[in-house]
């Protein structure tokens, strides 16, 4: 059975609409006007236990609002959601013990205290016995490579170390469901990779269900087999990102390092010439033509190196969000909530 269910979930806000300037302020004071903001509109999906699901969308798309409804921080305007058999906004003890919400731009650690002190507070809040809390701290610290920093004040940690410590605090009670909102926000490449490896290891070790939002597409492609795309509050795709890429990117990228410079007209018979910089060339070749064209390239051109790949994921998703392509056109989207399996 699904562990997370959302049915026709919606959330709207009434926001004051004020004109600029002194006259606008006076009018706003005398007769206030409002506009309706639909943050989430009629969103339905379900997630099976152990899945790692990516939640993608531009700023203001409704990702964080959806996570806040699923974690019980805000009430939906319409529809319903259920998490681990609980109604989230009831906020009962069993529900709170089963989930965690990590927001990359927020912190729960006490700034001037050593990390261990904050972890002891969390252990007391969740009534974790002292010996068990120490064992869990040691396990998480070893997984995150954060053993020597636990006695330092939080303010003296680097951004990557603070994020790892935040994950430790959020996972100390060993939740079965992780809602992660931009957990790698602002981290360098090495720290991002470290956090991704930890999340994958935690999922495999404890069978945790993870719903992850991120602006770093590497987070999504490295961790998730299933992705949900949301734009303007509406869910526009739910399924395998690879299937969408294949539909929306009918060409493969062929990058050539040549032993001599070639003119564009010399390369045009092999595919669409995107760029030529000295002896480096970038071609687009249709997928169905690739096996026929590659041998010709190798026999007819003086090639030093050749690589074949898909267009960047960011480019494909950007086309969808900019309205240049339909994510669902001709794509066999799995039934929402159909088990994709934990990422491996």
C-alpha atoms as a PDB file:
ATOM      1  CA  UNK A   1       0.000   0.000   0.000  1.00  0.00           C
ATOM      2  CA  UNK A   2       1.182   3.564  -0.638  1.00  0.00           C
ATOM      3  CA  UNK A   3       2.791   5.279   2.329  1.00  0.00           C
ATOM      4  CA  UNK A   4       2.049   8.790   0.969  1.00  0.00           C
ATOM      5  CA  UNK A   5      -1.228   9.667  -0.743  1.00  0.00           C
ATOM      6  CA  UNK A   6      -2.383  13.030  -2.087  1.00  0.00           C
ATOM      7  CA  UNK A   7      -5.819  13.325  -3.685  1.00  0.00           C
ATOM      8  CA  UNK A   8      -6.854  16.538  -5.449  1.00  0.00           C
ATOM      9  CA  UNK A   9      -4.654  18.490  -3.056  1.00  0.00           C
ATOM     10  CA  UNK A  10      -4.962  22.276  -3.336  1.00  0.00           C
ATOM     11  CA  UNK A  11      -3.750  25.277  -1.384  1.00  0.00           C
ATOM     12  CA  UNK A  12      -4.644  28.896  -2.056  1.00  0.00           C
ATOM     13  CA  UNK A  13      -3.817  32.117  -0.230  1.00  0.00           C
ATOM     14  CA  UNK A  14      -5.467  35.500  -0.127  1.00  0.00           C
ATOM     15  CA  UNK A  15      -2.793  38.166  -0.519  1.00  0.00           C
ATOM     16  CA  UNK A  16      -3.263  41.911  -0.222  1.00  0.00           C
ATOM     17  CA  UNK A  17      -2.849  43.773  -3.540  1.00  0.00           C
ATOM     18  CA  UNK A  18      -1.356  47.214  -2.913  1.00  0.00           C
ATOM     19  CA  UNK A  19      -0.546  49.825  -5.547  1.00  0.00           C
ATOM     20  CA  UNK A  20       2.828  51.569  -5.222  1.00  0.00           C
ATOM     21  CA  UNK A  21       3.305  55.083  -3.860  1.00  0.00           C
ATOM     22  CA  UNK A  22       1.629  57.206  -1.211  1.00  0.00           C
ATOM     23  CA  UNK A  23      -1.733  57.223  -3.007  1.00  0.00           C
ATOM     24  CA  UNK A  24      -1.630  53.440  -3.262  1.00  0.00           C
ATOM     25  CA  UNK A  25      -0.895  53.231   0.466  1.00  0.00           C
ATOM     26  CA  UNK A  26      -3.871  55.463   1.312  1.00  0.00           C
ATOM     27  CA  UNK A  27      -6.206  53.464  -0.918  1.00  0.00           C
ATOM     28  CA  UNK A  28      -4.878  50.283   0.623  1.00  0.00           C
ATOM     29  CA  UNK A  29      -5.623  51.668   4.088  1.00  0.00           C
ATOM     30  CA  UNK A  30      -9.179  52.766   3.237  1.00  0.00           C
ATOM     31  CA  UNK A  31     -10.278  49.914   0.981  1.00  0.00           C
ATOM     32  CA  UNK A  32      -7.997  46.930   0.987  1.00  0.00           C
ATOM     33  CA  UNK A  33      -8.079  44.699  -2.069  1.00  0.00           C
ATOM     34  CA  UNK A  34      -6.945  41.109  -2.303  1.00  0.00           C
ATOM     35  CA  UNK A  35      -5.868  38.642  -4.934  1.00  0.00           C
ATOM     36  CA  UNK A  36      -6.026  34.871  -4.792  1.00  0.00           C
ATOM     37  CA  UNK A  37      -2.778  32.923  -5.099  1.00  0.00           C
ATOM     38  CA  UNK A  38      -3.181  29.259  -6.006  1.00  0.00           C
ATOM     39  CA  UNK A  39       0.048  27.718  -4.748  1.00  0.00           C
ATOM     40  CA  UNK A  40      -1.030  24.112  -5.386  1.00  0.00           C
ATOM     41  CA  UNK A  41      -3.895  23.122  -7.681  1.00  0.00           C
ATOM     42  CA  UNK A  42      -5.597  19.721  -7.747  1.00  0.00           C
ATOM     43  CA  UNK A  43      -2.449  17.620  -7.262  1.00  0.00           C
ATOM     44  CA  UNK A  44      -2.823  13.834  -6.937  1.00  0.00           C
ATOM     45  CA  UNK A  45      -0.115  11.205  -6.513  1.00  0.00           C
ATOM     46  CA  UNK A  46       0.888   8.304  -4.288  1.00  0.00           C
ATOM     47  CA  UNK A  47       4.295   7.019  -3.200  1.00  0.00           C
ATOM     48  CA  UNK A  48       5.189   3.473  -2.195  1.00  0.00           C
ATOM     49  CA  UNK A  49       7.373   2.603   0.832  1.00  0.00           C
ATOM     50  CA  UNK A  50      11.090   2.818   0.058  1.00  0.00           C
ATOM     51  CA  UNK A  51      10.757   5.001  -3.046  1.00  0.00           C
ATOM     52  CA  UNK A  52      13.023   7.974  -3.630  1.00  0.00           C
ATOM     53  CA  UNK A  53      10.965  10.464  -5.635  1.00  0.00           C
ATOM     54  CA  UNK A  54      12.203  13.745  -7.067  1.00  0.00           C
ATOM     55  CA  UNK A  55       9.935  16.792  -6.980  1.00  0.00           C
ATOM     56  CA  UNK A  56      11.033  19.299  -9.630  1.00  0.00           C
ATOM     57  CA  UNK A  57       9.757  22.735 -10.514  1.00  0.00           C
ATOM     58  CA  UNK A  58      10.817  26.369 -10.919  1.00  0.00           C
ATOM     59  CA  UNK A  59      10.708  28.863  -8.066  1.00  0.00           C
ATOM     60  CA  UNK A  60       7.139  29.424  -6.919  1.00  0.00           C
ATOM     61  CA  UNK A  61       5.859  26.236  -8.567  1.00  0.00           C
ATOM     62  CA  UNK A  62       4.359  24.887  -5.319  1.00  0.00           C
ATOM     63  CA  UNK A  63       6.956  22.312  -4.241  1.00  0.00           C
ATOM     64  CA  UNK A  64       7.559  23.647  -0.733  1.00  0.00           C
ATOM     65  CA  UNK A  65       3.848  24.276  -0.169  1.00  0.00           C
ATOM     66  CA  UNK A  66       3.119  20.648  -1.071  1.00  0.00           C
ATOM     67  CA  UNK A  67       5.803  19.408   1.342  1.00  0.00           C
ATOM     68  CA  UNK A  68       4.426  21.617   4.114  1.00  0.00           C
ATOM     69  CA  UNK A  69       0.958  20.134   3.634  1.00  0.00           C
ATOM     70  CA  UNK A  70       2.348  16.579   3.655  1.00  0.00           C
ATOM     71  CA  UNK A  71       4.328  17.293   6.825  1.00  0.00           C
ATOM     72  CA  UNK A  72       1.327  18.891   8.545  1.00  0.00           C
ATOM     73  CA  UNK A  73       2.655  22.445   8.805  1.00  0.00           C
ATOM     74  CA  UNK A  74      -0.256  23.899   6.828  1.00  0.00           C
ATOM     75  CA  UNK A  75      -3.807  22.788   6.035  1.00  0.00           C
ATOM     76  CA  UNK A  76      -4.878  22.155   2.459  1.00  0.00           C
ATOM     77  CA  UNK A  77      -7.608  24.373   1.067  1.00  0.00           C
ATOM     78  CA  UNK A  78      -9.147  21.377  -0.705  1.00  0.00           C
ATOM     79  CA  UNK A  79      -8.450  17.685  -1.203  1.00  0.00           C
ATOM     80  CA  UNK A  80      -6.837  15.297   1.222  1.00  0.00           C
ATOM     81  CA  UNK A  81      -3.470  13.784   2.030  1.00  0.00           C
ATOM     82  CA  UNK A  82      -2.422  10.813   4.106  1.00  0.00           C
ATOM     83  CA  UNK A  83       1.090   9.965   5.294  1.00  0.00           C
ATOM     84  CA  UNK A  84       1.873   6.627   6.941  1.00  0.00           C
ATOM     85  CA  UNK A  85      -1.823   6.183   7.670  1.00  0.00           C
ATOM     86  CA  UNK A  86      -2.101   9.581   9.398  1.00  0.00           C
ATOM     87  CA  UNK A  87      -3.745  12.883   8.521  1.00  0.00           C
ATOM     88  CA  UNK A  88      -0.697  15.192   8.608  1.00  0.00           C
ATOM     89  CA  UNK A  89      -2.255  18.354  10.047  1.00  0.00           C
ATOM     90  CA  UNK A  90      -3.635  16.379  13.017  1.00  0.00           C
ATOM     91  CA  UNK A  91       0.051  16.328  14.123  1.00  0.00           C
ATOM     92  CA  UNK A  92      -0.346  13.286  16.399  1.00  0.00           C
ATOM     93  CA  UNK A  93       2.730  11.850  18.114  1.00  0.00           C
ATOM     94  CA  UNK A  94       2.995   8.671  16.019  1.00  0.00           C
ATOM     95  CA  UNK A  95       2.943  10.726  12.819  1.00  0.00           C
ATOM     96  CA  UNK A  96       5.615  13.145  14.020  1.00  0.00           C
ATOM     97  CA  UNK A  97       7.882  10.247  14.971  1.00  0.00           C
ATOM     98  CA  UNK A  98       7.564   8.736  11.500  1.00  0.00           C
ATOM     99  CA  UNK A  99       8.569  11.798   9.437  1.00  0.00           C
ATOM    100  CA  UNK A 100      11.179  14.492   9.186  1.00  0.00           C
ATOM    101  CA  UNK A 101      11.289  17.721   7.187  1.00  0.00           C
ATOM    102  CA  UNK A 102      14.663  19.189   6.218  1.00  0.00           C
ATOM    103  CA  UNK A 103      14.742  22.596   4.554  1.00  0.00           C
ATOM    104  CA  UNK A 104      18.070  23.699   3.125  1.00  0.00           C
ATOM    105  CA  UNK A 105      17.432  27.359   3.981  1.00  0.00           C
ATOM    106  CA  UNK A 106      16.359  26.679   7.603  1.00  0.00           C
ATOM    107  CA  UNK A 107      18.267  25.354  10.591  1.00  0.00           C
ATOM    108  CA  UNK A 108      17.277  23.622  13.812  1.00  0.00           C
ATOM    109  CA  UNK A 109      20.709  23.421  15.430  1.00  0.00           C
ATOM    110  CA  UNK A 110      21.515  25.925  18.178  1.00  0.00           C
ATOM    111  CA  UNK A 111      24.098  28.310  16.752  1.00  0.00           C
ATOM    112  CA  UNK A 112      26.426  28.708  19.746  1.00  0.00           C
ATOM    113  CA  UNK A 113      26.276  25.156  21.092  1.00  0.00           C
ATOM    114  CA  UNK A 114      28.325  22.146  19.979  1.00  0.00           C
ATOM    115  CA  UNK A 115      26.468  19.841  17.610  1.00  0.00           C
ATOM    116  CA  UNK A 116      26.351  17.091  20.238  1.00  0.00           C
ATOM    117  CA  UNK A 117      24.361  19.300  22.619  1.00  0.00           C
ATOM    118  CA  UNK A 118      21.678  19.903  19.984  1.00  0.00           C
ATOM    119  CA  UNK A 119      21.588  16.175  19.248  1.00  0.00           C
ATOM    120  CA  UNK A 120      21.115  15.422  22.958  1.00  0.00           C
ATOM    121  CA  UNK A 121      18.175  17.832  23.023  1.00  0.00           C
ATOM    122  CA  UNK A 122      16.613  16.085  20.022  1.00  0.00           C
ATOM    123  CA  UNK A 123      17.131  12.698  21.674  1.00  0.00           C
ATOM    124  CA  UNK A 124      15.321  13.956  24.777  1.00  0.00           C
ATOM    125  CA  UNK A 125      12.444  15.350  22.702  1.00  0.00           C
ATOM    126  CA  UNK A 126      11.938  11.953  21.039  1.00  0.00           C
ATOM    127  CA  UNK A 127      12.529  10.061  24.305  1.00  0.00           C
ATOM    128  CA  UNK A 128      15.452   8.086  22.882  1.00  0.00           C
ATOM    129  CA  UNK A 129      17.429   6.257  25.614  1.00  0.00           C
ATOM    130  CA  UNK A 130      20.908   7.667  26.124  1.00  0.00           C
ATOM    131  CA  UNK A 131      22.770   4.526  25.051  1.00  0.00           C
ATOM    132  CA  UNK A 132      20.636   4.166  21.905  1.00  0.00           C
ATOM    133  CA  UNK A 133      21.075   7.882  21.107  1.00  0.00           C
ATOM    134  CA  UNK A 134      24.874   7.514  21.328  1.00  0.00           C
ATOM    135  CA  UNK A 135      24.760   4.495  19.028  1.00  0.00           C
ATOM    136  CA  UNK A 136      22.651   6.368  16.460  1.00  0.00           C
ATOM    137  CA  UNK A 137      24.882   9.445  16.631  1.00  0.00           C
ATOM    138  CA  UNK A 138      27.952   7.272  16.023  1.00  0.00           C
ATOM    139  CA  UNK A 139      26.248   5.528  13.089  1.00  0.00           C
ATOM    140  CA  UNK A 140      25.105   8.765  11.423  1.00  0.00           C
ATOM    141  CA  UNK A 141      28.434  10.512  12.067  1.00  0.00           C
ATOM    142  CA  UNK A 142      30.317   7.633  10.436  1.00  0.00           C
ATOM    143  CA  UNK A 143      27.972   7.640   7.428  1.00  0.00           C
ATOM    144  CA  UNK A 144      28.376  11.405   6.999  1.00  0.00           C
ATOM    145  CA  UNK A 145      32.091  11.627   7.841  1.00  0.00           C
ATOM    146  CA  UNK A 146      31.353  14.075  10.657  1.00  0.00           C
ATOM    147  CA  UNK A 147      33.004  12.546  13.713  1.00  0.00           C
ATOM    148  CA  UNK A 148      35.536  15.217  14.749  1.00  0.00           C
ATOM    149  CA  UNK A 149      33.211  18.198  14.251  1.00  0.00           C
ATOM    150  CA  UNK A 150      30.503  17.159  16.725  1.00  0.00           C
ATOM    151  CA  UNK A 151      32.173  18.955  19.647  1.00  0.00           C
ATOM    152  CA  UNK A 152      32.532  22.246  17.774  1.00  0.00           C
ATOM    153  CA  UNK A 153      29.980  25.071  18.008  1.00  0.00           C
ATOM    154  CA  UNK A 154      27.650  25.084  15.016  1.00  0.00           C
ATOM    155  CA  UNK A 155      28.743  28.601  14.036  1.00  0.00           C
ATOM    156  CA  UNK A 156      32.310  27.337  13.449  1.00  0.00           C
ATOM    157  CA  UNK A 157      31.296  24.638  10.978  1.00  0.00           C
ATOM    158  CA  UNK A 158      31.470  25.078   7.235  1.00  0.00           C
ATOM    159  CA  UNK A 159      28.198  25.209   5.281  1.00  0.00           C
ATOM    160  CA  UNK A 160      28.602  21.595   4.155  1.00  0.00           C
ATOM    161  CA  UNK A 161      29.368  20.432   7.698  1.00  0.00           C
ATOM    162  CA  UNK A 162      26.330  22.310   9.038  1.00  0.00           C
ATOM    163  CA  UNK A 163      24.082  20.632   6.457  1.00  0.00           C
ATOM    164  CA  UNK A 164      25.400  17.223   7.470  1.00  0.00           C
ATOM    165  CA  UNK A 165      24.806  18.081  11.129  1.00  0.00           C
ATOM    166  CA  UNK A 166      21.254  19.191  10.258  1.00  0.00           C
ATOM    167  CA  UNK A 167      20.663  15.808   8.627  1.00  0.00           C
ATOM    168  CA  UNK A 168      21.942  14.075  11.746  1.00  0.00           C
ATOM    169  CA  UNK A 169      19.537  16.049  13.926  1.00  0.00           C
ATOM    170  CA  UNK A 170      16.639  15.376  11.552  1.00  0.00           C
ATOM    171  CA  UNK A 171      17.312  11.625  11.345  1.00  0.00           C
ATOM    172  CA  UNK A 172      18.239  10.870  14.945  1.00  0.00           C
ATOM    173  CA  UNK A 173      14.723   9.536  15.676  1.00  0.00           C
ATOM    174  CA  UNK A 174      15.090   7.289  12.568  1.00  0.00           C
ATOM    175  CA  UNK A 175      12.031   8.448  10.599  1.00  0.00           C
ATOM    176  CA  UNK A 176      10.631   6.233   7.862  1.00  0.00           C
ATOM    177  CA  UNK A 177       9.627   9.199   5.680  1.00  0.00           C
ATOM    178  CA  UNK A 178      11.969  12.043   4.685  1.00  0.00           C
ATOM    179  CA  UNK A 179      10.685  15.283   3.189  1.00  0.00           C
ATOM    180  CA  UNK A 180      13.767  17.103   1.917  1.00  0.00           C
ATOM    181  CA  UNK A 181      13.433  20.629   0.541  1.00  0.00           C
ATOM    182  CA  UNK A 182      16.668  21.720  -1.183  1.00  0.00           C
ATOM    183  CA  UNK A 183      18.981  19.755   1.164  1.00  0.00           C
ATOM    184  CA  UNK A 184      22.079  20.620  -0.903  1.00  0.00           C
ATOM    185  CA  UNK A 185      21.274  24.324  -1.324  1.00  0.00           C
ATOM    186  CA  UNK A 186      24.458  26.406  -1.468  1.00  0.00           C
ATOM    187  CA  UNK A 187      26.821  23.461  -1.016  1.00  0.00           C
ATOM    188  CA  UNK A 188      29.895  22.938  -3.169  1.00  0.00           C
ATOM    189  CA  UNK A 189      30.125  20.019  -5.585  1.00  0.00           C
ATOM    190  CA  UNK A 190      31.945  17.716  -3.143  1.00  0.00           C
ATOM    191  CA  UNK A 191      29.498  18.428  -0.310  1.00  0.00           C
ATOM    192  CA  UNK A 192      26.535  17.844  -2.629  1.00  0.00           C
ATOM    193  CA  UNK A 193      27.940  14.471  -3.669  1.00  0.00           C
ATOM    194  CA  UNK A 194      28.546  13.539  -0.038  1.00  0.00           C
ATOM    195  CA  UNK A 195      24.958  14.342   0.951  1.00  0.00           C
ATOM    196  CA  UNK A 196      23.605  12.392  -2.035  1.00  0.00           C
ATOM    197  CA  UNK A 197      25.693   9.343  -1.129  1.00  0.00           C
ATOM    198  CA  UNK A 198      24.469   9.542   2.463  1.00  0.00           C
ATOM    199  CA  UNK A 199      20.791   9.752   1.455  1.00  0.00           C
ATOM    200  CA  UNK A 200      21.143   6.774  -0.857  1.00  0.00           C
ATOM    201  CA  UNK A 201      22.904   4.785   1.877  1.00  0.00           C
ATOM    202  CA  UNK A 202      20.233   5.738   4.439  1.00  0.00           C
ATOM    203  CA  UNK A 203      17.484   4.654   2.037  1.00  0.00           C
ATOM    204  CA  UNK A 204      19.137   1.299   1.429  1.00  0.00           C
ATOM    205  CA  UNK A 205      19.962   0.671   5.092  1.00  0.00           C
ATOM    206  CA  UNK A 206      16.617   1.656   6.626  1.00  0.00           C
ATOM    207  CA  UNK A 207      14.170   1.411   3.699  1.00  0.00           C
ATOM    208  CA  UNK A 208      13.178   5.051   4.158  1.00  0.00           C
ATOM    209  CA  UNK A 209      10.815   6.779   1.744  1.00  0.00           C
ATOM    210  CA  UNK A 210      12.234  10.057   0.434  1.00  0.00           C
ATOM    211  CA  UNK A 211      10.479  12.927  -1.333  1.00  0.00           C
ATOM    212  CA  UNK A 212      13.163  15.325  -2.500  1.00  0.00           C
ATOM    213  CA  UNK A 213      13.027  18.783  -4.055  1.00  0.00           C
ATOM    214  CA  UNK A 214      16.130  20.337  -5.555  1.00  0.00           C
ATOM    215  CA  UNK A 215      17.253  22.903  -8.098  1.00  0.00           C
ATOM    216  CA  UNK A 216      20.368  20.777  -8.653  1.00  0.00           C
ATOM    217  CA  UNK A 217      19.343  18.264 -11.283  1.00  0.00           C
ATOM    218  CA  UNK A 218      22.316  16.083 -10.309  1.00  0.00           C
ATOM    219  CA  UNK A 219      20.524  15.409  -7.008  1.00  0.00           C
ATOM    220  CA  UNK A 220      17.464  14.133  -8.857  1.00  0.00           C
ATOM    221  CA  UNK A 221      19.233  12.090 -11.535  1.00  0.00           C
ATOM    222  CA  UNK A 222      21.615  10.497  -9.009  1.00  0.00           C
ATOM    223  CA  UNK A 223      18.935   9.483  -6.497  1.00  0.00           C
ATOM    224  CA  UNK A 224      15.552   9.176  -8.180  1.00  0.00           C
ATOM    225  CA  UNK A 225      14.046   6.729 -10.615  1.00  0.00           C
ATOM    226  CA  UNK A 226      10.747   8.560 -10.514  1.00  0.00           C
ATOM    227  CA  UNK A 227      10.257  12.295 -10.917  1.00  0.00           C
ATOM    228  CA  UNK A 228       7.267  14.559 -10.520  1.00  0.00           C
ATOM    229  CA  UNK A 229       7.281  17.898 -12.335  1.00  0.00           C
ATOM    230  CA  UNK A 230       5.134  20.705 -10.951  1.00  0.00           C
ATOM    231  CA  UNK A 231       4.595  24.101 -12.545  1.00  0.00           C
ATOM    232  CA  UNK A 232       2.261  26.909 -11.470  1.00  0.00           C
ATOM    233  CA  UNK A 233       0.876  24.624  -8.792  1.00  0.00           C
ATOM    234  CA  UNK A 234      -0.112  21.867 -11.227  1.00  0.00           C
ATOM    235  CA  UNK A 235       1.460  18.436 -11.536  1.00  0.00           C
ATOM    236  CA  UNK A 236       2.431  18.105 -15.188  1.00  0.00           C
ATOM    237  CA  UNK A 237       4.400  14.851 -15.168  1.00  0.00           C
ATOM    238  CA  UNK A 238       4.801  11.839 -12.908  1.00  0.00           C
ATOM    239  CA  UNK A 239       7.037   9.004 -14.034  1.00  0.00           C
ATOM    240  CA  UNK A 240      10.441   8.002 -15.316  1.00  0.00           C
ATOM    241  CA  UNK A 241      12.527  11.021 -16.318  1.00  0.00           C
ATOM    242  CA  UNK A 242      14.465   8.917 -18.834  1.00  0.00           C
ATOM    243  CA  UNK A 243      11.243   8.256 -20.778  1.00  0.00           C
ATOM    244  CA  UNK A 244      10.483  11.955 -20.940  1.00  0.00           C
ATOM    245  CA  UNK A 245      14.030  12.770 -22.070  1.00  0.00           C
ATOM    246  CA  UNK A 246      13.822  10.196 -24.847  1.00  0.00           C
ATOM    247  CA  UNK A 247      10.528  11.690 -26.055  1.00  0.00           C
ATOM    248  CA  UNK A 248      11.567  15.345 -25.849  1.00  0.00           C
ATOM    249  CA  UNK A 249      15.163  14.873 -27.009  1.00  0.00           C
ATOM    250  CA  UNK A 250      14.941  12.859 -30.246  1.00  0.00           C
ATOM    251  CA  UNK A 251      18.621  13.568 -30.950  1.00  0.00           C
ATOM    252  CA  UNK A 252      21.831  12.476 -29.246  1.00  0.00           C
ATOM    253  CA  UNK A 253      24.774  14.796 -28.781  1.00  0.00           C
ATOM    254  CA  UNK A 254      27.984  13.764 -30.552  1.00  0.00           C
ATOM    255  CA  UNK A 255      31.088  15.636 -29.468  1.00  0.00           C
ATOM    256  CA  UNK A 256      34.185  15.292 -31.600  1.00  0.00           C
ATOM    257  CA  UNK A 257      37.836  16.063 -30.958  1.00  0.00           C
ATOM    258  CA  UNK A 258      39.367  16.156 -34.441  1.00  0.00           C
ATOM    259  CA  UNK A 259      42.988  16.039 -35.529  1.00  0.00           C
ATOM    260  CA  UNK A 260      42.407  18.968 -37.912  1.00  0.00           C
ATOM    261  CA  UNK A 261      39.875  21.751 -38.276  1.00  0.00           C
ATOM    262  CA  UNK A 262      36.815  21.069 -40.437  1.00  0.00           C
ATOM    263  CA  UNK A 263      34.374  23.531 -41.985  1.00  0.00           C
ATOM    264  CA  UNK A 264      30.695  23.305 -41.069  1.00  0.00           C
ATOM    265  CA  UNK A 265      29.736  22.141 -44.555  1.00  0.00           C
ATOM    266  CA  UNK A 266      32.144  19.197 -44.223  1.00  0.00           C
ATOM    267  CA  UNK A 267      30.416  18.048 -41.014  1.00  0.00           C
ATOM    268  CA  UNK A 268      26.832  18.781 -42.111  1.00  0.00           C
ATOM    269  CA  UNK A 269      26.308  15.355 -43.816  1.00  0.00           C
ATOM    270  CA  UNK A 270      26.737  13.626 -40.430  1.00  0.00           C
ATOM    271  CA  UNK A 271      24.235  15.647 -38.400  1.00  0.00           C
ATOM    272  CA  UNK A 272      23.156  19.097 -37.298  1.00  0.00           C
ATOM    273  CA  UNK A 273      26.254  21.151 -36.558  1.00  0.00           C
ATOM    274  CA  UNK A 274      25.739  23.039 -33.310  1.00  0.00           C
ATOM    275  CA  UNK A 275      29.205  24.455 -32.665  1.00  0.00           C
ATOM    276  CA  UNK A 276      32.735  24.314 -34.062  1.00  0.00           C
ATOM    277  CA  UNK A 277      35.585  25.636 -31.943  1.00  0.00           C
ATOM    278  CA  UNK A 278      38.934  24.950 -33.533  1.00  0.00           C
ATOM    279  CA  UNK A 279      39.227  21.179 -33.787  1.00  0.00           C
ATOM    280  CA  UNK A 280      36.277  20.528 -31.424  1.00  0.00           C
ATOM    281  CA  UNK A 281      32.822  20.028 -32.944  1.00  0.00           C
ATOM    282  CA  UNK A 282      29.374  19.427 -31.466  1.00  0.00           C
ATOM    283  CA  UNK A 283      26.754  17.612 -33.604  1.00  0.00           C
ATOM    284  CA  UNK A 284      23.164  16.539 -33.053  1.00  0.00           C
ATOM    285  CA  UNK A 285      22.270  13.156 -34.571  1.00  0.00           C
ATOM    286  CA  UNK A 286      18.809  11.603 -34.504  1.00  0.00           C
ATOM    287  CA  UNK A 287      18.641   8.537 -32.268  1.00  0.00           C
ATOM    288  CA  UNK A 288      17.473   6.246 -35.045  1.00  0.00           C
ATOM    289  CA  UNK A 289      20.386   7.355 -37.275  1.00  0.00           C
ATOM    290  CA  UNK A 290      23.114   7.009 -34.668  1.00  0.00           C
ATOM    291  CA  UNK A 291      24.262   3.449 -35.422  1.00  0.00           C
ATOM    292  CA  UNK A 292      24.485   4.300 -39.142  1.00  0.00           C
ATOM    293  CA  UNK A 293      26.204   7.685 -38.729  1.00  0.00           C
ATOM    294  CA  UNK A 294      28.888   6.837 -36.162  1.00  0.00           C
ATOM    295  CA  UNK A 295      30.806   4.379 -38.394  1.00  0.00           C
ATOM    296  CA  UNK A 296      30.758   6.977 -41.195  1.00  0.00           C
ATOM    297  CA  UNK A 297      32.154   9.629 -38.852  1.00  0.00           C
ATOM    298  CA  UNK A 298      34.987   7.354 -37.781  1.00  0.00           C
ATOM    299  CA  UNK A 299      35.842   6.326 -41.352  1.00  0.00           C
ATOM    300  CA  UNK A 300      35.417   9.684 -43.133  1.00  0.00           C
ATOM    301  CA  UNK A 301      36.751  12.124 -40.509  1.00  0.00           C
ATOM    302  CA  UNK A 302      40.133  12.321 -38.797  1.00  0.00           C
ATOM    303  CA  UNK A 303      38.805  11.714 -35.270  1.00  0.00           C
ATOM    304  CA  UNK A 304      40.951  11.809 -32.157  1.00  0.00           C
ATOM    305  CA  UNK A 305      38.139  11.304 -29.635  1.00  0.00           C
ATOM    306  CA  UNK A 306      34.347  10.905 -29.767  1.00  0.00           C
ATOM    307  CA  UNK A 307      31.689  10.981 -27.067  1.00  0.00           C
ATOM    308  CA  UNK A 308      27.938  10.410 -27.348  1.00  0.00           C
ATOM    309  CA  UNK A 309      25.395  11.568 -24.759  1.00  0.00           C
ATOM    310  CA  UNK A 310      21.968  12.991 -24.100  1.00  0.00           C
ATOM    311  CA  UNK A 311      21.310  16.741 -23.908  1.00  0.00           C
ATOM    312  CA  UNK A 312      21.611  18.098 -20.341  1.00  0.00           C
ATOM    313  CA  UNK A 313      18.631  17.254 -18.145  1.00  0.00           C
ATOM    314  CA  UNK A 314      18.328  20.933 -17.228  1.00  0.00           C
ATOM    315  CA  UNK A 315      17.779  21.792 -20.895  1.00  0.00           C
ATOM    316  CA  UNK A 316      14.978  19.218 -21.310  1.00  0.00           C
ATOM    317  CA  UNK A 317      13.164  20.200 -18.121  1.00  0.00           C
ATOM    318  CA  UNK A 318      13.583  23.864 -18.989  1.00  0.00           C
ATOM    319  CA  UNK A 319      11.761  23.247 -22.279  1.00  0.00           C
ATOM    320  CA  UNK A 320       8.820  21.797 -20.366  1.00  0.00           C
ATOM    321  CA  UNK A 321       8.615  24.645 -17.863  1.00  0.00           C
ATOM    322  CA  UNK A 322       8.980  27.262 -20.603  1.00  0.00           C
ATOM    323  CA  UNK A 323       6.102  25.731 -22.549  1.00  0.00           C
ATOM    324  CA  UNK A 324       8.287  24.635 -25.470  1.00  0.00           C
ATOM    325  CA  UNK A 325       7.328  20.984 -25.003  1.00  0.00           C
ATOM    326  CA  UNK A 326       4.689  18.850 -23.331  1.00  0.00           C
ATOM    327  CA  UNK A 327       6.057  16.450 -20.748  1.00  0.00           C
ATOM    328  CA  UNK A 328       3.250  13.962 -21.245  1.00  0.00           C
ATOM    329  CA  UNK A 329       3.023  13.937 -25.037  1.00  0.00           C
ATOM    330  CA  UNK A 330       3.465  10.363 -26.283  1.00  0.00           C
ATOM    331  CA  UNK A 331       5.060   9.319 -22.996  1.00  0.00           C
ATOM    332  CA  UNK A 332       3.703   6.242 -21.262  1.00  0.00           C
ATOM    333  CA  UNK A 333       3.405   7.654 -17.771  1.00  0.00           C
ATOM    334  CA  UNK A 334       3.113   5.011 -15.052  1.00  0.00           C
ATOM    335  CA  UNK A 335       0.125   5.116 -12.773  1.00  0.00           C
ATOM    336  CA  UNK A 336       0.932   7.602 -10.014  1.00  0.00           C
ATOM    337  CA  UNK A 337       2.255   5.717  -7.053  1.00  0.00           C
ATOM    338  CA  UNK A 338       3.179   2.585  -8.997  1.00  0.00           C
ATOM    339  CA  UNK A 339       6.223   1.254  -7.203  1.00  0.00           C
ATOM    340  CA  UNK A 340       9.431   2.159  -8.950  1.00  0.00           C
ATOM    341  CA  UNK A 341      11.511   0.596  -6.180  1.00  0.00           C
ATOM    342  CA  UNK A 342      14.115   2.194  -4.004  1.00  0.00           C
ATOM    343  CA  UNK A 343      17.005   3.739  -5.894  1.00  0.00           C
ATOM    344  CA  UNK A 344      19.940   1.439  -6.257  1.00  0.00           C
END
